[in-house]
Amino acid sequence: MLLPLVLASSSHFRAQLLARLQVPFVQDSPETDETPLLNENAPQLAQRLAYAKAHDLVHKYPQHLIIGSDQVASFAGQLIGKPMTHDKAVQQLQAFSGQKVDFYTGLCLLNSQTGHFQQCVELFSVYFRKLSHEQIERYLHAEQPYFCAGSFKSEGLGICLFEKMQGDDPTSLIGLPLIRLVTFLQNEGVSVPVANVS
């Protein structure tokens, strides 16, 4: 019997991505402290939080496959947070103009019945065009990506800000690496696409 699937996230972006696989799942939000540890770099933080988010729901879902994921952005060796305000988003995009920003997306699939887990960190890099102040203002007013790390939505109008993107899985940039997740699910006996039951 296959274990039911849980997405340990409140993100509707991650839920939309997971829904692409057409595998039934429930969504629940863990209460995970996302504060970086001292001297913790971006990939370390993404990996730790992905596991922590899955693990935080183990007691609530003791016979499930729990998906934890977390994304951390890095620019010039510094962690990048969500801008939250228009002014901070302007500052971020001005700094990114003509530069590369790296996005590390941690993924963990935890079998709460056995304790077995699989995890990885996917790197996806975004190279920004040279952006004028007017371009930045027009974009921010159009999409208002103030709750997105990096101040853009790549699945929307944000694509116009980029010169190129580089990485193995474009879904990792949105927050859930589906290519690797399918491999993890298959390792747990979940075939994707799933068979139709009639």
Protein backbone atom coordinates (compact mmCIF):
# COMPACT_ATOMS: atom_id res chain seq x y z
CA MET A 1 0.00 0.00 0.00
CA LEU A 2 1.41 3.35 -1.01
CA LEU A 3 1.75 5.98 1.67
CA PRO A 4 -0.22 9.22 1.23
CA LEU A 5 1.69 12.34 0.27
CA VAL A 6 2.02 15.52 2.34
CA LEU A 7 3.46 18.84 1.15
CA ALA A 8 5.05 20.53 4.16
CA SER A 9 4.54 24.07 2.91
CA SER A 10 1.96 26.84 2.88
CA SER A 11 3.18 28.04 -0.53
CA HIS A 12 0.54 27.98 -3.26
CA PHE A 13 3.40 28.09 -5.80
CA ARG A 14 4.74 24.76 -4.50
CA ALA A 15 1.24 23.31 -4.38
CA GLN A 16 0.66 24.29 -8.02
CA LEU A 17 3.94 22.64 -9.00
CA LEU A 18 3.21 19.43 -7.11
CA ALA A 19 -0.28 19.30 -8.66
CA ARG A 20 1.39 18.95 -12.07
CA LEU A 21 2.37 15.40 -11.14
CA GLN A 22 -1.31 14.46 -10.68
CA VAL A 23 -0.55 12.58 -7.47
CA PRO A 24 -3.05 13.14 -4.61
CA PHE A 25 -1.59 15.10 -1.69
CA VAL A 26 -2.54 17.19 1.29
CA GLN A 27 -0.84 20.44 2.21
CA ASP A 28 0.11 21.47 5.73
CA SER A 29 2.38 24.18 7.05
CA PRO A 30 5.12 23.30 9.55
CA GLU A 31 6.16 25.79 12.20
CA THR A 32 9.87 25.81 11.35
CA ASP A 33 12.31 28.45 12.53
CA GLU A 34 14.02 29.62 9.33
CA THR A 35 16.72 31.69 11.02
CA PRO A 36 20.15 30.93 9.50
CA LEU A 37 22.75 29.43 11.82
CA LEU A 38 26.05 31.18 12.43
CA ASN A 39 28.30 30.89 9.32
CA GLU A 40 25.67 28.81 7.50
CA ASN A 41 25.88 29.28 3.72
CA ALA A 42 22.99 29.21 1.25
CA PRO A 43 23.08 25.51 0.22
CA GLN A 44 23.55 24.38 3.83
CA LEU A 45 20.58 26.48 4.94
CA ALA A 46 18.35 25.24 2.10
CA GLN A 47 19.17 21.60 2.87
CA ARG A 48 18.69 21.95 6.62
CA LEU A 49 15.34 23.73 6.31
CA ALA A 50 13.97 21.29 3.72
CA TYR A 51 14.62 18.41 6.13
CA ALA A 52 13.37 20.37 9.15
CA LYS A 53 10.08 21.26 7.46
CA ALA A 54 9.40 17.62 6.58
CA HIS A 55 10.49 16.37 9.99
CA ASP A 56 8.32 18.90 11.84
CA LEU A 57 5.18 17.15 10.52
CA VAL A 58 6.22 13.58 11.33
CA HIS A 59 4.12 13.30 14.51
CA LYS A 60 1.04 14.66 12.76
CA TYR A 61 1.50 12.40 9.72
CA PRO A 62 3.12 9.17 11.03
CA GLN A 63 2.47 6.99 7.96
CA HIS A 64 3.11 9.35 5.09
CA LEU A 65 5.61 10.55 2.54
CA ILE A 66 6.34 14.13 3.57
CA ILE A 67 7.85 16.63 1.12
CA GLY A 68 9.92 19.45 2.58
CA SER A 69 11.41 22.17 0.42
CA ASP A 70 13.09 25.49 0.99
CA GLN A 71 14.76 27.99 -1.30
CA VAL A 72 17.62 30.31 -0.44
CA ALA A 73 18.94 32.98 -2.78
CA SER A 74 22.56 34.14 -2.78
CA PHE A 75 24.15 37.20 -4.37
CA ALA A 76 27.85 38.04 -4.08
CA GLY A 77 28.17 35.50 -1.27
CA GLN A 78 25.34 37.00 0.78
CA LEU A 79 21.94 35.50 1.57
CA ILE A 80 19.02 37.33 -0.04
CA GLY A 81 15.68 37.57 1.68
CA LYS A 82 12.23 38.55 0.49
CA PRO A 83 12.11 42.31 -0.02
CA MET A 84 8.66 42.76 1.61
CA THR A 85 8.51 46.43 0.52
CA HIS A 86 8.68 48.28 -2.78
CA ASP A 87 11.80 50.25 -1.81
CA LYS A 88 13.74 47.12 -0.84
CA ALA A 89 12.66 45.40 -4.07
CA VAL A 90 14.01 48.37 -6.04
CA GLN A 91 17.31 48.10 -4.16
CA GLN A 92 17.57 44.37 -4.86
CA LEU A 93 16.89 44.68 -8.59
CA GLN A 94 19.27 47.62 -8.93
CA ALA A 95 21.99 45.50 -7.32
CA PHE A 96 21.19 42.53 -9.57
CA SER A 97 21.31 44.54 -12.81
CA GLY A 98 23.81 42.85 -15.13
CA GLN A 99 24.72 40.33 -12.43
CA LYS A 100 24.16 36.66 -11.53
CA VAL A 101 22.00 35.48 -8.65
CA ASP A 102 22.12 31.86 -7.43
CA PHE A 103 19.07 30.05 -6.08
CA TYR A 104 19.56 26.95 -3.93
CA THR A 105 16.44 24.82 -3.51
CA GLY A 106 16.57 22.15 -0.86
CA LEU A 107 14.32 19.11 -1.25
CA CYS A 108 13.60 16.33 1.24
CA LEU A 109 11.24 13.37 0.90
CA LEU A 110 10.77 11.77 4.31
CA ASN A 111 9.02 8.46 4.89
CA SER A 112 7.58 9.01 8.36
CA GLN A 113 6.77 5.31 8.73
CA THR A 114 10.35 4.10 8.28
CA GLY A 115 12.31 7.29 9.03
CA HIS A 116 14.08 6.96 5.68
CA PHE A 117 14.66 10.23 3.86
CA GLN A 118 16.16 11.42 0.58
CA GLN A 119 17.46 14.92 0.11
CA CYS A 120 19.29 17.15 -2.31
CA VAL A 121 20.00 20.80 -3.12
CA GLU A 122 19.37 22.03 -6.66
CA LEU A 123 21.26 25.08 -7.95
CA PHE A 124 19.65 27.37 -10.50
CA SER A 125 21.34 30.60 -11.61
CA VAL A 126 19.71 33.67 -13.08
CA TYR A 127 21.63 36.23 -15.13
CA PHE A 128 19.94 39.63 -15.11
CA ARG A 129 19.82 42.06 -17.98
CA LYS A 130 21.08 45.59 -17.49
CA LEU A 131 18.02 47.17 -15.91
CA SER A 132 17.13 50.86 -15.93
CA HIS A 133 15.31 52.43 -13.01
CA GLU A 134 12.25 52.86 -15.22
CA GLN A 135 12.25 49.15 -16.16
CA ILE A 136 12.49 48.16 -12.51
CA GLU A 137 9.64 50.47 -11.49
CA ARG A 138 7.39 49.27 -14.32
CA TYR A 139 8.04 45.65 -13.46
CA LEU A 140 7.45 46.07 -9.73
CA HIS A 141 4.21 47.97 -10.23
CA ALA A 142 2.99 45.33 -12.68
CA GLU A 143 3.75 42.23 -10.59
CA GLN A 144 4.46 43.40 -7.01
CA PRO A 145 6.74 40.44 -6.15
CA TYR A 146 7.43 41.66 -2.63
CA PHE A 147 7.09 38.22 -1.02
CA CYS A 148 9.46 36.53 -3.48
CA ALA A 149 13.18 36.11 -2.85
CA GLY A 150 15.01 38.14 -5.48
CA SER A 151 12.05 40.48 -6.12
CA PHE A 152 10.69 38.66 -9.17
CA LYS A 153 8.32 35.92 -10.30
CA SER A 154 10.05 33.83 -12.94
CA GLU A 155 6.79 32.09 -13.83
CA GLY A 156 5.28 35.48 -14.72
CA LEU A 157 6.49 38.79 -16.10
CA GLY A 158 9.78 38.43 -14.22
CA ILE A 159 11.15 36.43 -17.14
CA CYS A 160 11.66 39.73 -18.99
CA LEU A 161 14.34 40.73 -16.45
CA PHE A 162 16.68 37.90 -17.41
CA GLU A 163 19.40 37.58 -19.99
CA LYS A 164 19.69 33.83 -19.41
CA MET A 165 19.05 31.11 -16.87
CA GLN A 166 21.20 28.10 -16.04
CA GLY A 167 20.30 24.92 -14.19
CA ASP A 168 19.05 21.36 -14.50
CA ASP A 169 15.45 21.89 -13.41
CA PRO A 170 13.49 25.11 -14.07
CA THR A 171 10.86 24.14 -11.48
CA SER A 172 13.53 24.47 -8.78
CA LEU A 173 13.56 28.22 -9.40
CA ILE A 174 9.87 28.39 -8.49
CA GLY A 175 10.53 26.42 -5.33
CA LEU A 176 10.03 22.67 -5.85
CA PRO A 177 12.42 20.59 -8.02
CA LEU A 178 9.98 18.23 -9.71
CA ILE A 179 12.56 16.27 -11.71
CA ARG A 180 14.41 15.14 -8.58
CA LEU A 181 11.16 14.73 -6.65
CA VAL A 182 9.87 12.24 -9.23
CA THR A 183 13.06 10.21 -8.72
CA PHE A 184 12.60 10.30 -4.93
CA LEU A 185 8.95 9.23 -5.25
CA GLN A 186 9.87 6.37 -7.57
CA ASN A 187 12.44 5.20 -5.02
CA GLU A 188 9.53 4.97 -2.55
CA GLY A 189 7.41 2.97 -4.99
CA VAL A 190 5.30 5.84 -6.30
CA SER A 191 5.18 5.67 -10.10
CA VAL A 192 4.70 8.97 -11.91
CA PRO A 193 2.57 9.25 -13.98
CA VAL A 194 0.25 7.30 -11.71
CA ALA A 195 -1.95 4.58 -13.16
CA ASN A 196 -5.60 5.46 -13.69
CA VAL A 197 -7.86 3.51 -11.39
CA SER A 198 -11.34 2.95 -12.85
